[in-house]
PDB file of N, CA and C in Angstrom:
ATOM      1  N   MET A   1      13.249  10.438  34.021  1.00  0.00           N
ATOM      2  CA  MET A   1      12.553  10.143  32.219  1.00  0.00           C
ATOM      3  C   MET A   1      10.805  10.355  32.362  1.00  0.00           C
ATOM      4  N   GLY A   2      10.104  10.336  33.685  1.00  0.00           N
ATOM      5  CA  GLY A   2       8.664  10.116  33.858  1.00  0.00           C
ATOM      6  C   GLY A   2       8.080  11.739  33.469  1.00  0.00           C
ATOM      7  N   VAL A   3       8.630  13.021  33.736  1.00  0.00           N
ATOM      8  CA  VAL A   3       8.415  14.307  32.977  1.00  0.00           C
ATOM      9  C   VAL A   3       8.074  14.374  31.354  1.00  0.00           C
ATOM     10  N   VAL A   4       9.066  13.401  30.599  1.00  0.00           N
ATOM     11  CA  VAL A   4       9.373  13.164  29.516  1.00  0.00           C
ATOM     12  C   VAL A   4       7.979  12.230  28.719  1.00  0.00           C
ATOM     13  N   THR A   5       8.248  10.931  29.673  1.00  0.00           N
ATOM     14  CA  THR A   5       6.914   9.922  29.051  1.00  0.00           C
ATOM     15  C   THR A   5       6.030  10.888  28.993  1.00  0.00           C
ATOM     16  N   CYS A   6       5.473  11.510  30.104  1.00  0.00           N
ATOM     17  CA  CYS A   6       4.098  12.351  30.289  1.00  0.00           C
ATOM     18  C   CYS A   6       3.982  13.244  29.452  1.00  0.00           C
ATOM     19  N   SER A   7       4.962  13.938  29.212  1.00  0.00           N
ATOM     20  CA  SER A   7       4.661  15.243  28.035  1.00  0.00           C
ATOM     21  C   SER A   7       4.342  14.775  26.951  1.00  0.00           C
ATOM     22  N   LEU A   8       5.109  13.122  26.449  1.00  0.00           N
ATOM     23  CA  LEU A   8       5.059  12.931  25.314  1.00  0.00           C
ATOM     24  C   LEU A   8       4.097  11.959  24.856  1.00  0.00           C
ATOM     25  N   THR A   9       3.116  11.250  26.021  1.00  0.00           N
ATOM     26  CA  THR A   9       1.670  10.916  26.425  1.00  0.00           C
ATOM     27  C   THR A   9       0.734  11.820  25.601  1.00  0.00           C
ATOM     28  N   LEU A  10       0.979  12.936  26.495  1.00  0.00           N
ATOM     29  CA  LEU A  10      -0.148  13.993  26.537  1.00  0.00           C
ATOM     30  C   LEU A  10      -0.113  14.746  24.951  1.00  0.00           C
ATOM     31  N   SER A  11       1.338  14.874  24.606  1.00  0.00           N
ATOM     32  CA  SER A  11       0.838  15.528  23.258  1.00  0.00           C
ATOM     33  C   SER A  11       0.300  14.319  21.911  1.00  0.00           C
ATOM     34  N   ALA A  12       0.902  13.054  22.286  1.00  0.00           N
ATOM     35  CA  ALA A  12       0.175  11.971  21.315  1.00  0.00           C
ATOM     36  C   ALA A  12      -1.683  12.021  21.755  1.00  0.00           C
ATOM     37  N   ALA A  13      -2.080  12.243  22.872  1.00  0.00           N
ATOM     38  CA  ALA A  13      -3.418  11.868  23.172  1.00  0.00           C
ATOM     39  C   ALA A  13      -3.878  13.783  22.323  1.00  0.00           C
ATOM     40  N   ALA A  14      -3.220  14.840  22.378  1.00  0.00           N
ATOM     41  CA  ALA A  14      -3.909  16.377  22.016  1.00  0.00           C
ATOM     42  C   ALA A  14      -4.201  15.921  20.574  1.00  0.00           C
ATOM     43  N   TYR A  15      -2.648  15.161  19.821  1.00  0.00           N
ATOM     44  CA  TYR A  15      -2.751  15.061  18.303  1.00  0.00           C
ATOM     45  C   TYR A  15      -3.781  13.682  17.730  1.00  0.00           C
ATOM     46  N   LEU A  16      -4.422  12.846  18.623  1.00  0.00           N
ATOM     47  CA  LEU A  16      -4.876  12.108  18.320  1.00  0.00           C
ATOM     48  C   LEU A  16      -6.875  12.190  17.540  1.00  0.00           C
ATOM     49  N   PRO A  17      -7.294  13.389  18.026  1.00  0.00           N
ATOM     50  CA  PRO A  17      -8.623  13.797  17.468  1.00  0.00           C
ATOM     51  C   PRO A  17      -7.863  13.845  16.025  1.00  0.00           C
ATOM     52  N   LEU A  18      -6.988  14.887  15.888  1.00  0.00           N
ATOM     53  CA  LEU A  18      -6.321  15.501  14.445  1.00  0.00           C
ATOM     54  C   LEU A  18      -6.329  14.535  13.662  1.00  0.00           C
ATOM     55  N   ALA A  19      -5.487  13.349  14.161  1.00  0.00           N
ATOM     56  CA  ALA A  19      -4.945  12.000  13.512  1.00  0.00           C
ATOM     57  C   ALA A  19      -6.521  11.186  12.968  1.00  0.00           C
ATOM     58  N   ILE A  20      -7.222  11.009  13.986  1.00  0.00           N
ATOM     59  CA  ILE A  20      -8.416  10.244  13.589  1.00  0.00           C
ATOM     60  C   ILE A  20      -8.914  11.094  12.711  1.00  0.00           C
ATOM     61  N   TRP A  21      -9.336  12.907  12.335  1.00  0.00           N
ATOM     62  CA  TRP A  21     -10.152  13.282  11.774  1.00  0.00           C
ATOM     63  C   TRP A  21      -9.669  13.684  10.498  1.00  0.00           C
ATOM     64  N   GLN A  22      -8.196  13.375  10.226  1.00  0.00           N
ATOM     65  CA  GLN A  22      -7.408  13.527   8.493  1.00  0.00           C
ATOM     66  C   GLN A  22      -6.787  12.250   8.745  1.00  0.00           C
ATOM     67  N   ARG A  23      -7.857  11.141   8.777  1.00  0.00           N
ATOM     68  CA  ARG A  23      -6.941   9.819   8.443  1.00  0.00           C
ATOM     69  C   ARG A  23      -6.665  10.153   6.571  1.00  0.00           C
ATOM     70  N   PRO A  24      -5.819   8.996   6.500  1.00  0.00           N
ATOM     71  CA  PRO A  24      -5.281   9.218   4.876  1.00  0.00           C
ATOM     72  C   PRO A  24      -6.500   7.951   4.117  1.00  0.00           C
ATOM     73  N   ARG A  25      -6.471   8.504   2.747  1.00  0.00           N
ATOM     74  CA  ARG A  25      -7.422   7.612   2.102  1.00  0.00           C
ATOM     75  C   ARG A  25      -7.214   6.343   1.775  1.00  0.00           C
ATOM     76  N   ALA A  26      -5.924   5.813   1.874  1.00  0.00           N
ATOM     77  CA  ALA A  26      -5.434   5.167   1.844  1.00  0.00           C
ATOM     78  C   ALA A  26      -4.745   4.529   2.907  1.00  0.00           C
ATOM     79  N   ILE A  27      -4.659   3.338   2.985  1.00  0.00           N
ATOM     80  CA  ILE A  27      -3.598   2.669   4.496  1.00  0.00           C
ATOM     81  C   ILE A  27      -2.019   2.808   3.534  1.00  0.00           C
ATOM     82  N   PRO A  28      -1.050   3.831   4.299  1.00  0.00           N
ATOM     83  CA  PRO A  28       0.366   3.846   3.912  1.00  0.00           C
ATOM     84  C   PRO A  28       0.741   2.211   3.791  1.00  0.00           C
ATOM     85  N   SER A  29       1.845   2.225   3.067  1.00  0.00           N
ATOM     86  CA  SER A  29       2.943   0.724   2.950  1.00  0.00           C
ATOM     87  C   SER A  29       3.450   0.576   3.974  1.00  0.00           C
ATOM     88  N   GLY A  30       3.747  -0.613   4.109  1.00  0.00           N
ATOM     89  CA  GLY A  30       4.584  -1.494   5.081  1.00  0.00           C
ATOM     90  C   GLY A  30       6.145  -0.448   4.465  1.00  0.00           C
ATOM     91  N   GLU A  31       6.446  -0.175   3.812  1.00  0.00           N
ATOM     92  CA  GLU A  31       7.393   0.767   4.183  1.00  0.00           C
ATOM     93  C   GLU A  31       7.413   2.219   4.680  1.00  0.00           C
ATOM     94  N   VAL A  32       6.351   2.333   4.303  1.00  0.00           N
ATOM     95  CA  VAL A  32       6.167   4.121   5.282  1.00  0.00           C
ATOM     96  C   VAL A  32       5.937   3.401   6.677  1.00  0.00           C
ATOM     97  N   LEU A  33       4.861   2.787   7.009  1.00  0.00           N
ATOM     98  CA  LEU A  33       4.959   2.408   8.434  1.00  0.00           C
ATOM     99  C   LEU A  33       5.697   1.887   9.298  1.00  0.00           C
ATOM    100  N   ALA A  34       6.761   1.584   8.622  1.00  0.00           N
ATOM    101  CA  ALA A  34       7.822   1.175   9.228  1.00  0.00           C
ATOM    102  C   ALA A  34       9.094   2.212   9.308  1.00  0.00           C
ATOM    103  N   SER A  35       8.735   2.562   8.262  1.00  0.00           N
ATOM    104  CA  SER A  35       9.828   4.370   8.488  1.00  0.00           C
ATOM    105  C   SER A  35       9.259   5.004   9.820  1.00  0.00           C
ATOM    106  N   VAL A  36       7.960   5.172   9.659  1.00  0.00           N
ATOM    107  CA  VAL A  36       7.658   5.665  11.275  1.00  0.00           C
ATOM    108  C   VAL A  36       7.679   5.074  12.422  1.00  0.00           C
ATOM    109  N   ALA A  37       7.699   4.192  12.317  1.00  0.00           N
ATOM    110  CA  ALA A  37       7.794   3.471  13.369  1.00  0.00           C
ATOM    111  C   ALA A  37       9.455   3.481  13.912  1.00  0.00           C
ATOM    112  N   VAL A  38      10.537   3.498  12.776  1.00  0.00           N
ATOM    113  CA  VAL A  38      11.782   3.531  12.925  1.00  0.00           C
ATOM    114  C   VAL A  38      11.954   5.362  13.690  1.00  0.00           C
ATOM    115  N   LEU A  39      11.725   6.308  13.175  1.00  0.00           N
ATOM    116  CA  LEU A  39      11.563   7.787  13.875  1.00  0.00           C
ATOM    117  C   LEU A  39      10.968   7.744  15.070  1.00  0.00           C
ATOM    118  N   GLY A  40      10.080   6.762  15.197  1.00  0.00           N
ATOM    119  CA  GLY A  40       9.059   7.457  16.720  1.00  0.00           C
ATOM    120  C   GLY A  40      10.331   6.494  17.736  1.00  0.00           C
ATOM    121  N   LEU A  41      11.042   5.249  17.342  1.00  0.00           N
ATOM    122  CA  LEU A  41      11.639   4.408  18.336  1.00  0.00           C
ATOM    123  C   LEU A  41      12.981   4.882  18.663  1.00  0.00           C
ATOM    124  N   VAL A  42      13.213   5.082  16.997  1.00  0.00           N
ATOM    125  CA  VAL A  42      14.916   5.090  17.096  1.00  0.00           C
ATOM    126  C   VAL A  42      15.340   6.957  17.306  1.00  0.00           C
ATOM    127  N   CYS A  43      14.746   7.899  16.935  1.00  0.00           N
ATOM    128  CA  CYS A  43      14.460   9.288  16.276  1.00  0.00           C
ATOM    129  C   CYS A  43      13.930  10.008  17.521  1.00  0.00           C
ATOM    130  N   THR A  44      13.416   9.164  18.458  1.00  0.00           N
ATOM    131  CA  THR A  44      12.450  10.116  19.267  1.00  0.00           C
ATOM    132  C   THR A  44      13.222   9.203  21.332  1.00  0.00           C
ATOM    133  N   ALA A  45      12.497   7.903  21.026  1.00  0.00           N
ATOM    134  CA  ALA A  45      12.846   7.254  22.487  1.00  0.00           C
ATOM    135  C   ALA A  45      14.399   6.891  22.450  1.00  0.00           C
ATOM    136  N   LEU A  46      15.047   6.021  21.286  1.00  0.00           N
ATOM    137  CA  LEU A  46      16.437   6.106  22.076  1.00  0.00           C
ATOM    138  C   LEU A  46      17.316   7.565  22.014  1.00  0.00           C
ATOM    139  N   ALA A  47      16.940   8.435  21.068  1.00  0.00           N
ATOM    140  CA  ALA A  47      17.292  10.015  21.635  1.00  0.00           C
ATOM    141  C   ALA A  47      17.204   9.831  22.661  1.00  0.00           C
ATOM    142  N   PHE A  48      15.862  10.248  23.325  1.00  0.00           N
ATOM    143  CA  PHE A  48      15.884  10.634  24.615  1.00  0.00           C
ATOM    144  C   PHE A  48      16.348   9.536  25.750  1.00  0.00           C
ATOM    145  N   VAL A  49      16.328   8.713  25.714  1.00  0.00           N
ATOM    146  CA  VAL A  49      17.547   7.834  26.622  1.00  0.00           C
ATOM    147  C   VAL A  49      18.722   8.052  26.349  1.00  0.00           C
ATOM    148  N   LEU A  50      19.464   8.101  25.601  1.00  0.00           N
ATOM    149  CA  LEU A  50      20.849   8.659  24.992  1.00  0.00           C
ATOM    150  C   LEU A  50      21.259   9.866  25.699  1.00  0.00           C
ATOM    151  N   PHE A  51      20.419  10.672  25.424  1.00  0.00           N
ATOM    152  CA  PHE A  51      20.156  12.121  26.365  1.00  0.00           C
ATOM    153  C   PHE A  51      20.256  12.237  27.721  1.00  0.00           C
ATOM    154  N   PHE A  52      19.391  11.467  28.189  1.00  0.00           N
ATOM    155  CA  PHE A  52      19.431  11.644  29.838  1.00  0.00           C
ATOM    156  C   PHE A  52      20.401  10.517  30.079  1.00  0.00           C
ATOM    157  N   GLU A  53      21.163   9.711  29.560  1.00  0.00           N
ATOM    158  CA  GLU A  53      22.312   9.479  29.613  1.00  0.00           C
ATOM    159  C   GLU A  53      23.804  10.191  29.623  1.00  0.00           C
ATOM    160  N   LEU A  54      23.510  11.063  28.480  1.00  0.00           N
ATOM    161  CA  LEU A  54      24.500  12.019  28.577  1.00  0.00           C
ATOM    162  C   LEU A  54      24.585  13.190  29.754  1.00  0.00           C
ATOM    163  N   ILE A  55      22.935  13.667  30.495  1.00  0.00           N
ATOM    164  CA  ILE A  55      22.980  14.489  31.784  1.00  0.00           C
ATOM    165  C   ILE A  55      23.734  13.802  32.753  1.00  0.00           C
ATOM    166  N   ARG A  56      23.384  12.522  32.641  1.00  0.00           N
ATOM    167  CA  ARG A  56      23.874  11.210  34.236  1.00  0.00           C
ATOM    168  C   ARG A  56      25.448  11.521  34.205  1.00  0.00           C
ATOM    169  N   HIS A  57      26.048  11.774  32.937  1.00  0.00           N
ATOM    170  CA  HIS A  57      27.553  11.261  32.979  1.00  0.00           C
ATOM    171  C   HIS A  57      28.239  12.884  33.021  1.00  0.00           C
ATOM    172  N   ILE A  58      27.680  13.796  32.130  1.00  0.00           N
ATOM    173  CA  ILE A  58      28.652  14.942  32.658  1.00  0.00           C
ATOM    174  C   ILE A  58      27.204  16.267  32.548  1.00  0.00           C
ATOM    175  N   GLY A  59      26.514  15.787  33.424  1.00  0.00           N
ATOM    176  CA  GLY A  59      25.289  17.101  33.937  1.00  0.00           C
ATOM    177  C   GLY A  59      24.690  17.638  32.879  1.00  0.00           C
ATOM    178  N   ALA A  60      23.503  18.634  33.466  1.00  0.00           N
ATOM    179  CA  ALA A  60      22.666  19.283  32.660  1.00  0.00           C
ATOM    180  C   ALA A  60      23.117  20.175  31.856  1.00  0.00           C
ATOM    181  N   VAL A  61      24.104  21.375  32.485  1.00  0.00           N
ATOM    182  CA  VAL A  61      24.179  22.255  31.824  1.00  0.00           C
ATOM    183  C   VAL A  61      25.223  21.783  30.714  1.00  0.00           C
ATOM    184  N   ARG A  62      26.643  21.380  30.851  1.00  0.00           N
ATOM    185  CA  ARG A  62      27.206  20.611  29.999  1.00  0.00           C
ATOM    186  C   ARG A  62      26.521  20.167  28.312  1.00  0.00           C
ATOM    187  N   ALA A  63      25.332  19.110  29.123  1.00  0.00           N
ATOM    188  CA  ALA A  63      24.791  17.957  28.192  1.00  0.00           C
ATOM    189  C   ALA A  63      23.976  19.204  27.244  1.00  0.00           C
ATOM    190  N   THR A  64      23.707  20.465  27.988  1.00  0.00           N
ATOM    191  CA  THR A  64      22.729  20.994  26.761  1.00  0.00           C
ATOM    192  C   THR A  64      23.473  22.135  25.622  1.00  0.00           C
ATOM    193  N   VAL A  65      24.639  21.666  25.778  1.00  0.00           N
ATOM    194  CA  VAL A  65      25.649  22.309  24.625  1.00  0.00           C
ATOM    195  C   VAL A  65      25.423  21.661  23.304  1.00  0.00           C
ATOM    196  N   ILE A  66      24.740  20.006  23.360  1.00  0.00           N
ATOM    197  CA  ILE A  66      24.501  19.699  22.213  1.00  0.00           C
ATOM    198  C   ILE A  66      23.437  19.690  21.188  1.00  0.00           C
ATOM    199  N   THR A  67      22.403  20.706  22.630  1.00  0.00           N
ATOM    200  CA  THR A  67      21.190  21.358  21.748  1.00  0.00           C
ATOM    201  C   THR A  67      22.017  22.041  20.812  1.00  0.00           C
ATOM    202  N   TYR A  68      22.647  22.767  20.952  1.00  0.00           N
ATOM    203  CA  TYR A  68      23.091  24.276  19.795  1.00  0.00           C
ATOM    204  C   TYR A  68      24.290  23.374  19.126  1.00  0.00           C
ATOM    205  N   VAL A  69      25.092  22.117  19.294  1.00  0.00           N
ATOM    206  CA  VAL A  69      25.180  22.091  18.118  1.00  0.00           C
ATOM    207  C   VAL A  69      24.620  20.939  17.192  1.00  0.00           C
ATOM    208  N   ASN A  70      23.769  20.223  17.649  1.00  0.00           N
ATOM    209  CA  ASN A  70      22.925  19.518  16.582  1.00  0.00           C
ATOM    210  C   ASN A  70      22.633  19.940  15.522  1.00  0.00           C
ATOM    211  N   PRO A  71      22.068  21.349  15.130  1.00  0.00           N
ATOM    212  CA  PRO A  71      21.648  21.776  13.940  1.00  0.00           C
ATOM    213  C   PRO A  71      22.761  22.326  13.155  1.00  0.00           C
ATOM    214  N   ALA A  72      23.899  22.199  13.151  1.00  0.00           N
ATOM    215  CA  ALA A  72      25.297  22.627  12.809  1.00  0.00           C
ATOM    216  C   ALA A  72      25.906  21.322  12.125  1.00  0.00           C
ATOM    217  N   VAL A  73      25.838  20.177  13.237  1.00  0.00           N
ATOM    218  CA  VAL A  73      25.691  18.957  12.323  1.00  0.00           C
ATOM    219  C   VAL A  73      24.924  18.101  11.435  1.00  0.00           C
ATOM    220  N   ALA A  74      23.255  18.113  11.514  1.00  0.00           N
ATOM    221  CA  ALA A  74      22.692  17.890  10.979  1.00  0.00           C
ATOM    222  C   ALA A  74      22.906  18.683   9.324  1.00  0.00           C
ATOM    223  N   VAL A  75      22.807  20.254   9.493  1.00  0.00           N
ATOM    224  CA  VAL A  75      23.321  20.912   8.320  1.00  0.00           C
ATOM    225  C   VAL A  75      24.329  20.757   7.054  1.00  0.00           C
ATOM    226  N   ALA A  76      25.784  20.293   8.236  1.00  0.00           N
ATOM    227  CA  ALA A  76      26.695  19.580   7.038  1.00  0.00           C
ATOM    228  C   ALA A  76      26.782  18.485   7.029  1.00  0.00           C
ATOM    229  N   LEU A  77      26.102  17.477   7.496  1.00  0.00           N
ATOM    230  CA  LEU A  77      25.489  15.833   7.083  1.00  0.00           C
ATOM    231  C   LEU A  77      24.833  15.964   5.970  1.00  0.00           C
ATOM    232  N   GLY A  78      23.700  16.838   5.694  1.00  0.00           N
ATOM    233  CA  GLY A  78      23.028  17.334   4.301  1.00  0.00           C
ATOM    234  C   GLY A  78      23.661  17.746   3.591  1.00  0.00           C
ATOM    235  N   VAL A  79      24.525  18.772   3.572  1.00  0.00           N
ATOM    236  CA  VAL A  79      25.267  19.215   2.354  1.00  0.00           C
ATOM    237  C   VAL A  79      26.543  17.956   2.310  1.00  0.00           C
ATOM    238  N   ILE A  80      27.301  17.319   3.267  1.00  0.00           N
ATOM    239  CA  ILE A  80      28.324  16.313   2.405  1.00  0.00           C
ATOM    240  C   ILE A  80      27.349  15.409   1.967  1.00  0.00           C
ATOM    241  N   LEU A  81      26.638  14.582   3.144  1.00  0.00           N
ATOM    242  CA  LEU A  81      25.732  13.540   2.297  1.00  0.00           C
ATOM    243  C   LEU A  81      25.171  13.169   1.322  1.00  0.00           C
ATOM    244  N   LEU A  82      24.261  14.289   1.647  1.00  0.00           N
ATOM    245  CA  LEU A  82      22.739  14.629   0.688  1.00  0.00           C
ATOM    246  C   LEU A  82      23.133  15.256  -0.618  1.00  0.00           C
ATOM    247  N   HIS A  83      24.048  16.224  -0.633  1.00  0.00           N
ATOM    248  CA  HIS A  83      24.402  17.310  -1.293  1.00  0.00           C
ATOM    249  C   HIS A  83      23.219  18.512  -1.480  1.00  0.00           C
ATOM    250  N   GLU A  84      22.776  18.816  -0.500  1.00  0.00           N
ATOM    251  CA  GLU A  84      21.887  19.892   0.212  1.00  0.00           C
ATOM    252  C   GLU A  84      22.879  21.002  -0.046  1.00  0.00           C
ATOM    253  N   ARG A  85      21.961  22.278  -0.721  1.00  0.00           N
ATOM    254  CA  ARG A  85      22.933  23.709  -0.825  1.00  0.00           C
ATOM    255  C   ARG A  85      22.525  24.146   0.869  1.00  0.00           C
ATOM    256  N   PHE A  86      23.954  24.960   1.085  1.00  0.00           N
ATOM    257  CA  PHE A  86      23.958  25.904   2.257  1.00  0.00           C
ATOM    258  C   PHE A  86      23.677  26.990   1.239  1.00  0.00           C
ATOM    259  N   THR A  87      22.348  27.403   1.989  1.00  0.00           N
ATOM    260  CA  THR A  87      21.751  28.877   1.259  1.00  0.00           C
ATOM    261  C   THR A  87      22.529  29.733   2.263  1.00  0.00           C
ATOM    262  N   PRO A  88      22.056  31.309   2.044  1.00  0.00           N
ATOM    263  CA  PRO A  88      22.340  32.004   2.946  1.00  0.00           C
ATOM    264  C   PRO A  88      21.367  32.541   4.445  1.00  0.00           C
ATOM    265  N   GLY A  89      20.155  31.719   4.059  1.00  0.00           N
ATOM    266  CA  GLY A  89      19.280  31.576   4.713  1.00  0.00           C
ATOM    267  C   GLY A  89      20.028  30.643   6.093  1.00  0.00           C
ATOM    268  N   THR A  90      20.662  29.434   5.501  1.00  0.00           N
ATOM    269  CA  THR A  90      21.325  28.331   6.627  1.00  0.00           C
ATOM    270  C   THR A  90      22.142  29.210   7.502  1.00  0.00           C
ATOM    271  N   ALA A  91      23.044  30.333   6.932  1.00  0.00           N
ATOM    272  CA  ALA A  91      23.655  30.720   7.453  1.00  0.00           C
ATOM    273  C   ALA A  91      23.393  31.860   8.454  1.00  0.00           C
ATOM    274  N   ILE A  92      22.188  32.574   8.159  1.00  0.00           N
ATOM    275  CA  ILE A  92      21.447  33.247   9.124  1.00  0.00           C
ATOM    276  C   ILE A  92      21.018  32.361  10.335  1.00  0.00           C
ATOM    277  N   GLY A  93      20.383  31.365   9.792  1.00  0.00           N
ATOM    278  CA  GLY A  93      19.841  30.368  10.869  1.00  0.00           C
ATOM    279  C   GLY A  93      20.624  30.030  11.902  1.00  0.00           C
ATOM    280  N   PHE A  94      22.147  29.326  11.747  1.00  0.00           N
ATOM    281  CA  PHE A  94      23.104  29.635  12.834  1.00  0.00           C
ATOM    282  C   PHE A  94      23.594  30.749  13.612  1.00  0.00           C
ATOM    283  N   GLY A  95      23.441  31.930  12.798  1.00  0.00           N
ATOM    284  CA  GLY A  95      23.555  32.738  13.877  1.00  0.00           C
ATOM    285  C   GLY A  95      22.528  33.081  14.949  1.00  0.00           C
ATOM    286  N   LEU A  96      21.203  32.712  14.357  1.00  0.00           N
ATOM    287  CA  LEU A  96      20.209  32.769  15.282  1.00  0.00           C
ATOM    288  C   LEU A  96      20.234  31.769  16.525  1.00  0.00           C
ATOM    289  N   ILE A  97      20.675  30.757  16.087  1.00  0.00           N
ATOM    290  CA  ILE A  97      20.721  29.910  17.128  1.00  0.00           C
ATOM    291  C   ILE A  97      21.709  29.901  18.150  1.00  0.00           C
TER     292      ILE A  97
END
């Protein structure tokens, strides 16, 4: 995980000047800050840990299949749980993936 840690750290450092330059006028609410923290910890950090465990168990070639399935699962959950529309653009996007 050293390469991923390094790339995420460098990305954060690259975005830092822009984040400082475009600071919000008001401090975000605690709910917003908590949401950002959960996104960072669960959706990024935990996801990487789980993905590397998957690679360790089934190998890199088979593990990359999940990267092709993930968008389809996300769209299906959006349609089913959030009642999002399945548009022709979405269908075309599946073809591109």
